[in-house]
PDB file of all heavy atoms in Angstrom:
ATOM      1  N   ASN A   1     -25.101   7.261 -11.368  1.00  0.00           N
ATOM      2  CA  ASN A   1     -26.137   6.297 -11.026  1.00  0.00           C
ATOM      3  C   ASN A   1     -25.732   5.558  -9.756  1.00  0.00           C
ATOM      4  O   ASN A   1     -24.616   5.691  -9.265  1.00  0.00           O
ATOM      5  CB  ASN A   1     -26.441   5.332 -12.185  1.00  0.00           C
ATOM      6  CG  ASN A   1     -25.283   4.431 -12.532  1.00  0.00           C
ATOM      7  OD1 ASN A   1     -24.560   3.985 -11.654  1.00  0.00           O
ATOM      8  ND2 ASN A   1     -25.106   4.153 -13.809  1.00  0.00           N
ATOM      9  N   SER A   2     -26.602   4.784  -9.220  1.00  0.00           N
ATOM     10  CA  SER A   2     -26.370   4.147  -7.928  1.00  0.00           C
ATOM     11  C   SER A   2     -25.188   3.177  -7.963  1.00  0.00           C
ATOM     12  O   SER A   2     -24.466   3.035  -6.983  1.00  0.00           O
ATOM     13  CB  SER A   2     -27.634   3.439  -7.434  1.00  0.00           C
ATOM     14  OG  SER A   2     -28.004   2.429  -8.349  1.00  0.00           O
ATOM     15  N   LYS A   3     -24.926   2.528  -9.080  1.00  0.00           N
ATOM     16  CA  LYS A   3     -23.795   1.593  -9.172  1.00  0.00           C
ATOM     17  C   LYS A   3     -22.465   2.341  -9.066  1.00  0.00           C
ATOM     18  O   LYS A   3     -21.540   1.894  -8.398  1.00  0.00           O
ATOM     19  CB  LYS A   3     -23.851   0.802 -10.477  1.00  0.00           C
ATOM     20  CG  LYS A   3     -24.946  -0.227 -10.504  1.00  0.00           C
ATOM     21  CD  LYS A   3     -24.920  -0.989 -11.809  1.00  0.00           C
ATOM     22  CE  LYS A   3     -26.070  -1.988 -11.846  1.00  0.00           C
ATOM     23  NZ  LYS A   3     -26.067  -2.752 -13.089  1.00  0.00           N
ATOM     24  N   ILE A   4     -22.369   3.469  -9.728  1.00  0.00           N
ATOM     25  CA  ILE A   4     -21.139   4.265  -9.668  1.00  0.00           C
ATOM     26  C   ILE A   4     -20.935   4.799  -8.264  1.00  0.00           C
ATOM     27  O   ILE A   4     -19.822   4.740  -7.718  1.00  0.00           O
ATOM     28  CB  ILE A   4     -21.176   5.416 -10.701  1.00  0.00           C
ATOM     29  CG1 ILE A   4     -21.146   4.840 -12.122  1.00  0.00           C
ATOM     30  CG2 ILE A   4     -20.009   6.367 -10.487  1.00  0.00           C
ATOM     31  CD1 ILE A   4     -21.358   5.870 -13.204  1.00  0.00           C
ATOM     32  N   ILE A   5     -21.974   5.308  -7.659  1.00  0.00           N
ATOM     33  CA  ILE A   5     -21.866   5.849  -6.308  1.00  0.00           C
ATOM     34  C   ILE A   5     -21.459   4.754  -5.333  1.00  0.00           C
ATOM     35  O   ILE A   5     -20.567   4.950  -4.488  1.00  0.00           O
ATOM     36  CB  ILE A   5     -23.187   6.527  -5.882  1.00  0.00           C
ATOM     37  CG1 ILE A   5     -23.405   7.782  -6.746  1.00  0.00           C
ATOM     38  CG2 ILE A   5     -23.175   6.874  -4.392  1.00  0.00           C
ATOM     39  CD1 ILE A   5     -24.750   8.426  -6.583  1.00  0.00           C
ATOM     40  N   ARG A   6     -22.066   3.567  -5.424  1.00  0.00           N
ATOM     41  CA  ARG A   6     -21.695   2.449  -4.544  1.00  0.00           C
ATOM     42  C   ARG A   6     -20.240   2.061  -4.740  1.00  0.00           C
ATOM     43  O   ARG A   6     -19.513   1.805  -3.783  1.00  0.00           O
ATOM     44  CB  ARG A   6     -22.614   1.244  -4.804  1.00  0.00           C
ATOM     45  CG  ARG A   6     -23.853   1.243  -3.947  1.00  0.00           C
ATOM     46  CD  ARG A   6     -24.512  -0.121  -3.983  1.00  0.00           C
ATOM     47  NE  ARG A   6     -24.947  -0.463  -5.333  1.00  0.00           N
ATOM     48  CZ  ARG A   6     -26.188  -0.494  -5.747  1.00  0.00           C
ATOM     49  NH1 ARG A   6     -27.153  -0.239  -4.908  1.00  0.00           N
ATOM     50  NH2 ARG A   6     -26.476  -0.797  -6.990  1.00  0.00           N
ATOM     51  N   ALA A   7     -19.787   2.011  -5.980  1.00  0.00           N
ATOM     52  CA  ALA A   7     -18.398   1.628  -6.266  1.00  0.00           C
ATOM     53  C   ALA A   7     -17.426   2.640  -5.650  1.00  0.00           C
ATOM     54  O   ALA A   7     -16.403   2.265  -5.065  1.00  0.00           O
ATOM     55  CB  ALA A   7     -18.180   1.530  -7.772  1.00  0.00           C
ATOM     56  N   ILE A   8     -17.746   3.926  -5.757  1.00  0.00           N
ATOM     57  CA  ILE A   8     -16.893   4.963  -5.177  1.00  0.00           C
ATOM     58  C   ILE A   8     -16.860   4.830  -3.655  1.00  0.00           C
ATOM     59  O   ILE A   8     -15.794   4.903  -3.030  1.00  0.00           O
ATOM     60  CB  ILE A   8     -17.354   6.369  -5.612  1.00  0.00           C
ATOM     61  CG1 ILE A   8     -17.073   6.551  -7.106  1.00  0.00           C
ATOM     62  CG2 ILE A   8     -16.667   7.453  -4.785  1.00  0.00           C
ATOM     63  CD1 ILE A   8     -17.664   7.803  -7.698  1.00  0.00           C
ATOM     64  N   ILE A   9     -18.005   4.599  -3.036  1.00  0.00           N
ATOM     65  CA  ILE A   9     -18.068   4.441  -1.580  1.00  0.00           C
ATOM     66  C   ILE A   9     -17.243   3.239  -1.136  1.00  0.00           C
ATOM     67  O   ILE A   9     -16.483   3.313  -0.170  1.00  0.00           O
ATOM     68  CB  ILE A   9     -19.533   4.331  -1.108  1.00  0.00           C
ATOM     69  CG1 ILE A   9     -20.233   5.685  -1.276  1.00  0.00           C
ATOM     70  CG2 ILE A   9     -19.606   3.854   0.342  1.00  0.00           C
ATOM     71  CD1 ILE A   9     -21.725   5.648  -1.040  1.00  0.00           C
ATOM     72  N   ILE A  10     -17.347   2.134  -1.846  1.00  0.00           N
ATOM     73  CA  ILE A  10     -16.572   0.934  -1.501  1.00  0.00           C
ATOM     74  C   ILE A  10     -15.076   1.202  -1.633  1.00  0.00           C
ATOM     75  O   ILE A  10     -14.287   0.813  -0.767  1.00  0.00           O
ATOM     76  CB  ILE A  10     -17.013  -0.264  -2.371  1.00  0.00           C
ATOM     77  CG1 ILE A  10     -18.415  -0.704  -1.934  1.00  0.00           C
ATOM     78  CG2 ILE A  10     -16.011  -1.417  -2.266  1.00  0.00           C
ATOM     79  CD1 ILE A  10     -19.067  -1.711  -2.860  1.00  0.00           C
ATOM     80  N   LEU A  11     -14.666   1.898  -2.693  1.00  0.00           N
ATOM     81  CA  LEU A  11     -13.249   2.222  -2.872  1.00  0.00           C
ATOM     82  C   LEU A  11     -12.736   3.111  -1.747  1.00  0.00           C
ATOM     83  O   LEU A  11     -11.651   2.883  -1.216  1.00  0.00           O
ATOM     84  CB  LEU A  11     -13.025   2.902  -4.222  1.00  0.00           C
ATOM     85  CG  LEU A  11     -13.041   1.990  -5.443  1.00  0.00           C
ATOM     86  CD1 LEU A  11     -13.037   2.816  -6.715  1.00  0.00           C
ATOM     87  CD2 LEU A  11     -11.854   1.054  -5.416  1.00  0.00           C
ATOM     88  N   VAL A  12     -13.501   4.122  -1.390  1.00  0.00           N
ATOM     89  CA  VAL A  12     -13.083   5.039  -0.327  1.00  0.00           C
ATOM     90  C   VAL A  12     -13.003   4.304   1.008  1.00  0.00           C
ATOM     91  O   VAL A  12     -12.027   4.457   1.760  1.00  0.00           O
ATOM     92  CB  VAL A  12     -14.041   6.248  -0.236  1.00  0.00           C
ATOM     93  CG1 VAL A  12     -13.795   7.062   1.016  1.00  0.00           C
ATOM     94  CG2 VAL A  12     -13.904   7.111  -1.469  1.00  0.00           C
ATOM     95  N   MET A  13     -13.980   3.471   1.308  1.00  0.00           N
ATOM     96  CA  MET A  13     -13.964   2.730   2.571  1.00  0.00           C
ATOM     97  C   MET A  13     -12.810   1.727   2.604  1.00  0.00           C
ATOM     98  O   MET A  13     -12.169   1.541   3.635  1.00  0.00           O
ATOM     99  CB  MET A  13     -15.309   2.035   2.789  1.00  0.00           C
ATOM    100  CG  MET A  13     -16.424   3.026   3.093  1.00  0.00           C
ATOM    101  SD  MET A  13     -18.040   2.257   3.229  1.00  0.00           S
ATOM    102  CE  MET A  13     -17.853   1.339   4.740  1.00  0.00           C
ATOM    103  N   SER A  14     -12.515   1.094   1.489  1.00  0.00           N
ATOM    104  CA  SER A  14     -11.399   0.150   1.422  1.00  0.00           C
ATOM    105  C   SER A  14     -10.077   0.864   1.648  1.00  0.00           C
ATOM    106  O   SER A  14      -9.203   0.373   2.363  1.00  0.00           O
ATOM    107  CB  SER A  14     -11.374  -0.559   0.066  1.00  0.00           C
ATOM    108  OG  SER A  14     -12.528  -1.347  -0.094  1.00  0.00           O
ATOM    109  N   ALA A  15      -9.919   2.027   1.033  1.00  0.00           N
ATOM    110  CA  ALA A  15      -8.691   2.793   1.211  1.00  0.00           C
ATOM    111  C   ALA A  15      -8.539   3.234   2.665  1.00  0.00           C
ATOM    112  O   ALA A  15      -7.453   3.156   3.234  1.00  0.00           O
ATOM    113  CB  ALA A  15      -8.683   4.009   0.285  1.00  0.00           C
ATOM    114  N   ALA A  16      -9.618   3.680   3.281  1.00  0.00           N
ATOM    115  CA  ALA A  16      -9.564   4.099   4.684  1.00  0.00           C
ATOM    116  C   ALA A  16      -9.211   2.927   5.585  1.00  0.00           C
ATOM    117  O   ALA A  16      -8.419   3.057   6.515  1.00  0.00           O
ATOM    118  CB  ALA A  16     -10.903   4.708   5.100  1.00  0.00           C
ATOM    119  N   ALA A  17      -9.768   1.758   5.313  1.00  0.00           N
ATOM    120  CA  ALA A  17      -9.455   0.571   6.111  1.00  0.00           C
ATOM    121  C   ALA A  17      -7.996   0.175   5.936  1.00  0.00           C
ATOM    122  O   ALA A  17      -7.327  -0.210   6.894  1.00  0.00           O
ATOM    123  CB  ALA A  17     -10.367  -0.584   5.711  1.00  0.00           C
ATOM    124  N   ALA A  18      -7.469   0.286   4.733  1.00  0.00           N
ATOM    125  CA  ALA A  18      -6.063  -0.066   4.482  1.00  0.00           C
ATOM    126  C   ALA A  18      -5.129   0.875   5.225  1.00  0.00           C
ATOM    127  O   ALA A  18      -4.146   0.452   5.824  1.00  0.00           O
ATOM    128  CB  ALA A  18      -5.771  -0.031   2.984  1.00  0.00           C
ATOM    129  N   VAL A  19      -5.434   2.164   5.229  1.00  0.00           N
ATOM    130  CA  VAL A  19      -4.605   3.139   5.951  1.00  0.00           C
ATOM    131  C   VAL A  19      -4.679   2.865   7.442  1.00  0.00           C
ATOM    132  O   VAL A  19      -3.667   2.871   8.142  1.00  0.00           O
ATOM    133  CB  VAL A  19      -5.058   4.584   5.627  1.00  0.00           C
ATOM    134  CG1 VAL A  19      -4.407   5.574   6.568  1.00  0.00           C
ATOM    135  CG2 VAL A  19      -4.741   4.911   4.185  1.00  0.00           C
ATOM    136  N   SER A  20      -5.858   2.582   7.948  1.00  0.00           N
ATOM    137  CA  SER A  20      -6.023   2.283   9.364  1.00  0.00           C
ATOM    138  C   SER A  20      -5.251   1.028   9.742  1.00  0.00           C
ATOM    139  O   SER A  20      -4.562   0.976  10.749  1.00  0.00           O
ATOM    140  CB  SER A  20      -7.507   2.106   9.679  1.00  0.00           C
ATOM    141  OG  SER A  20      -7.672   1.678  11.005  1.00  0.00           O
ATOM    142  N   PHE A  21      -5.325  -0.007   8.928  1.00  0.00           N
ATOM    143  CA  PHE A  21      -4.621  -1.256   9.190  1.00  0.00           C
ATOM    144  C   PHE A  21      -3.117  -1.052   9.151  1.00  0.00           C
ATOM    145  O   PHE A  21      -2.389  -1.561   9.982  1.00  0.00           O
ATOM    146  CB  PHE A  21      -5.032  -2.326   8.171  1.00  0.00           C
ATOM    147  CG  PHE A  21      -4.344  -3.637   8.400  1.00  0.00           C
ATOM    148  CD1 PHE A  21      -4.736  -4.462   9.442  1.00  0.00           C
ATOM    149  CD2 PHE A  21      -3.299  -4.038   7.593  1.00  0.00           C
ATOM    150  CE1 PHE A  21      -4.101  -5.670   9.662  1.00  0.00           C
ATOM    151  CE2 PHE A  21      -2.650  -5.243   7.802  1.00  0.00           C
ATOM    152  CZ  PHE A  21      -3.058  -6.059   8.842  1.00  0.00           C
ATOM    153  N   ALA A  22      -2.625  -0.266   8.202  1.00  0.00           N
ATOM    154  CA  ALA A  22      -1.185  -0.026   8.078  1.00  0.00           C
ATOM    155  C   ALA A  22      -0.647   0.696   9.297  1.00  0.00           C
ATOM    156  O   ALA A  22       0.491   0.488   9.700  1.00  0.00           O
ATOM    157  CB  ALA A  22      -0.888   0.782   6.812  1.00  0.00           C
ATOM    158  N   GLY A  23      -1.431   1.563   9.912  1.00  0.00           N
ATOM    159  CA  GLY A  23      -0.980   2.290  11.078  1.00  0.00           C
ATOM    160  C   GLY A  23      -1.183   1.541  12.381  1.00  0.00           C
ATOM    161  O   GLY A  23      -0.733   1.969  13.426  1.00  0.00           O
ATOM    162  N   ASP A  24      -1.826   0.377  12.326  1.00  0.00           N
ATOM    163  CA  ASP A  24      -2.120  -0.402  13.510  1.00  0.00           C
ATOM    164  C   ASP A  24      -0.919  -1.245  13.888  1.00  0.00           C
ATOM    165  O   ASP A  24      -0.407  -2.008  13.096  1.00  0.00           O
ATOM    166  CB  ASP A  24      -3.337  -1.296  13.240  1.00  0.00           C
ATOM    167  CG  ASP A  24      -3.784  -2.067  14.463  1.00  0.00           C
ATOM    168  OD1 ASP A  24      -3.392  -1.692  15.583  1.00  0.00           O
ATOM    169  OD2 ASP A  24      -4.531  -3.045  14.286  1.00  0.00           O
ATOM    170  N   GLN A  25      -0.462  -1.119  15.097  1.00  0.00           N
ATOM    171  CA  GLN A  25       0.661  -1.911  15.588  1.00  0.00           C
ATOM    172  C   GLN A  25       0.132  -2.893  16.623  1.00  0.00           C
ATOM    173  O   GLN A  25       0.404  -2.786  17.805  1.00  0.00           O
ATOM    174  CB  GLN A  25       1.734  -0.995  16.203  1.00  0.00           C
ATOM    175  CG  GLN A  25       2.304   0.018  15.260  1.00  0.00           C
ATOM    176  CD  GLN A  25       3.039  -0.647  14.116  1.00  0.00           C
ATOM    177  OE1 GLN A  25       3.731  -1.630  14.288  1.00  0.00           O
ATOM    178  NE2 GLN A  25       2.870  -0.117  12.922  1.00  0.00           N
ATOM    179  N   GLY A  26      -0.660  -3.876  16.190  1.00  0.00           N
ATOM    180  CA  GLY A  26      -1.171  -4.873  17.121  1.00  0.00           C
ATOM    181  C   GLY A  26      -2.140  -4.282  18.127  1.00  0.00           C
ATOM    182  O   GLY A  26      -2.183  -4.716  19.260  1.00  0.00           O
ATOM    183  N   GLY A  27      -2.901  -3.280  17.731  1.00  0.00           N
ATOM    184  CA  GLY A  27      -3.866  -2.677  18.629  1.00  0.00           C
ATOM    185  C   GLY A  27      -3.258  -1.611  19.542  1.00  0.00           C
ATOM    186  O   GLY A  27      -3.948  -0.996  20.320  1.00  0.00           O
ATOM    187  N   GLN A  28      -1.942  -1.425  19.467  1.00  0.00           N
ATOM    188  CA  GLN A  28      -1.279  -0.430  20.299  1.00  0.00           C
ATOM    189  C   GLN A  28      -0.937   0.795  19.460  1.00  0.00           C
ATOM    190  O   GLN A  28      -0.558   0.659  18.305  1.00  0.00           O
ATOM    191  CB  GLN A  28       0.008  -1.000  20.880  1.00  0.00           C
ATOM    192  CG  GLN A  28      -0.207  -2.197  21.774  1.00  0.00           C
ATOM    193  CD  GLN A  28       1.110  -2.764  22.274  1.00  0.00           C
ATOM    194  OE1 GLN A  28       2.171  -2.256  21.952  1.00  0.00           O
ATOM    195  NE2 GLN A  28       1.039  -3.819  23.051  1.00  0.00           N
ATOM    196  N   PRO A  29      -1.062   1.981  20.044  1.00  0.00           N
ATOM    197  CA  PRO A  29      -0.671   3.174  19.296  1.00  0.00           C
ATOM    198  C   PRO A  29       0.834   3.178  19.054  1.00  0.00           C
ATOM    199  O   PRO A  29       1.597   2.628  19.843  1.00  0.00           O
ATOM    200  CB  PRO A  29      -1.091   4.328  20.202  1.00  0.00           C
ATOM    201  CG  PRO A  29      -1.238   3.738  21.562  1.00  0.00           C
ATOM    202  CD  PRO A  29      -1.545   2.282  21.372  1.00  0.00           C
ATOM    203  N   GLN A  30       1.238   3.762  17.945  1.00  0.00           N
ATOM    204  CA  GLN A  30       2.653   3.843  17.620  1.00  0.00           C
ATOM    205  C   GLN A  30       3.350   4.768  18.619  1.00  0.00           C
ATOM    206  O   GLN A  30       2.837   5.819  18.966  1.00  0.00           O
ATOM    207  CB  GLN A  30       2.819   4.360  16.201  1.00  0.00           C
ATOM    208  CG  GLN A  30       4.192   4.154  15.642  1.00  0.00           C
ATOM    209  CD  GLN A  30       4.227   4.446  14.158  1.00  0.00           C
ATOM    210  OE1 GLN A  30       3.528   5.336  13.682  1.00  0.00           O
ATOM    211  NE2 GLN A  30       5.033   3.715  13.426  1.00  0.00           N
ATOM    212  N   GLN A  31       4.526   4.355  19.085  1.00  0.00           N
ATOM    213  CA  GLN A  31       5.277   5.139  20.052  1.00  0.00           C
ATOM    214  C   GLN A  31       5.852   6.381  19.384  1.00  0.00           C
ATOM    215  O   GLN A  31       6.420   6.308  18.303  1.00  0.00           O
ATOM    216  CB  GLN A  31       6.411   4.305  20.648  1.00  0.00           C
ATOM    217  CG  GLN A  31       7.205   5.051  21.700  1.00  0.00           C
ATOM    218  CD  GLN A  31       8.343   4.224  22.271  1.00  0.00           C
ATOM    219  OE1 GLN A  31       8.663   3.153  21.797  1.00  0.00           O
ATOM    220  NE2 GLN A  31       8.967   4.747  23.304  1.00  0.00           N
ATOM    221  N   VAL A  32       5.702   7.517  20.040  1.00  0.00           N
ATOM    222  CA  VAL A  32       6.261   8.784  19.564  1.00  0.00           C
ATOM    223  C   VAL A  32       7.196   9.308  20.642  1.00  0.00           C
ATOM    224  O   VAL A  32       6.816   9.429  21.803  1.00  0.00           O
ATOM    225  CB  VAL A  32       5.153   9.826  19.273  1.00  0.00           C
ATOM    226  CG1 VAL A  32       5.762  11.162  18.876  1.00  0.00           C
ATOM    227  CG2 VAL A  32       4.205   9.323  18.204  1.00  0.00           C
ATOM    228  N   ILE A  33       8.432   9.594  20.249  1.00  0.00           N
ATOM    229  CA  ILE A  33       9.419  10.144  21.175  1.00  0.00           C
ATOM    230  C   ILE A  33       9.724  11.571  20.725  1.00  0.00           C
ATOM    231  O   ILE A  33      10.127  11.792  19.583  1.00  0.00           O
ATOM    232  CB  ILE A  33      10.702   9.295  21.198  1.00  0.00           C
ATOM    233  CG1 ILE A  33      10.373   7.878  21.672  1.00  0.00           C
ATOM    234  CG2 ILE A  33      11.762   9.948  22.079  1.00  0.00           C
ATOM    235  CD1 ILE A  33      11.520   6.902  21.568  1.00  0.00           C
ATOM    236  N   LYS A  34       9.536  12.522  21.630  1.00  0.00           N
ATOM    237  CA  LYS A  34       9.774  13.938  21.311  1.00  0.00           C
ATOM    238  C   LYS A  34      11.208  14.302  21.671  1.00  0.00           C
ATOM    239  O   LYS A  34      11.674  14.004  22.770  1.00  0.00           O
ATOM    240  CB  LYS A  34       8.784  14.822  22.064  1.00  0.00           C
ATOM    241  CG  LYS A  34       7.356  14.581  21.613  1.00  0.00           C
ATOM    242  CD  LYS A  34       6.380  15.445  22.360  1.00  0.00           C
ATOM    243  CE  LYS A  34       4.975  15.069  21.966  1.00  0.00           C
ATOM    244  NZ  LYS A  34       4.304  16.048  21.195  1.00  0.00           N
TER     245      LYS A  34
END
């Protein structure tokens, strides 16, 4: 039903935002040295 679908969408978007925030270093990309 629409409530379950909305809840799943909110969970997925929250998880994506958390991963994005965790990888954010003050707006700068993380330095990679080869």
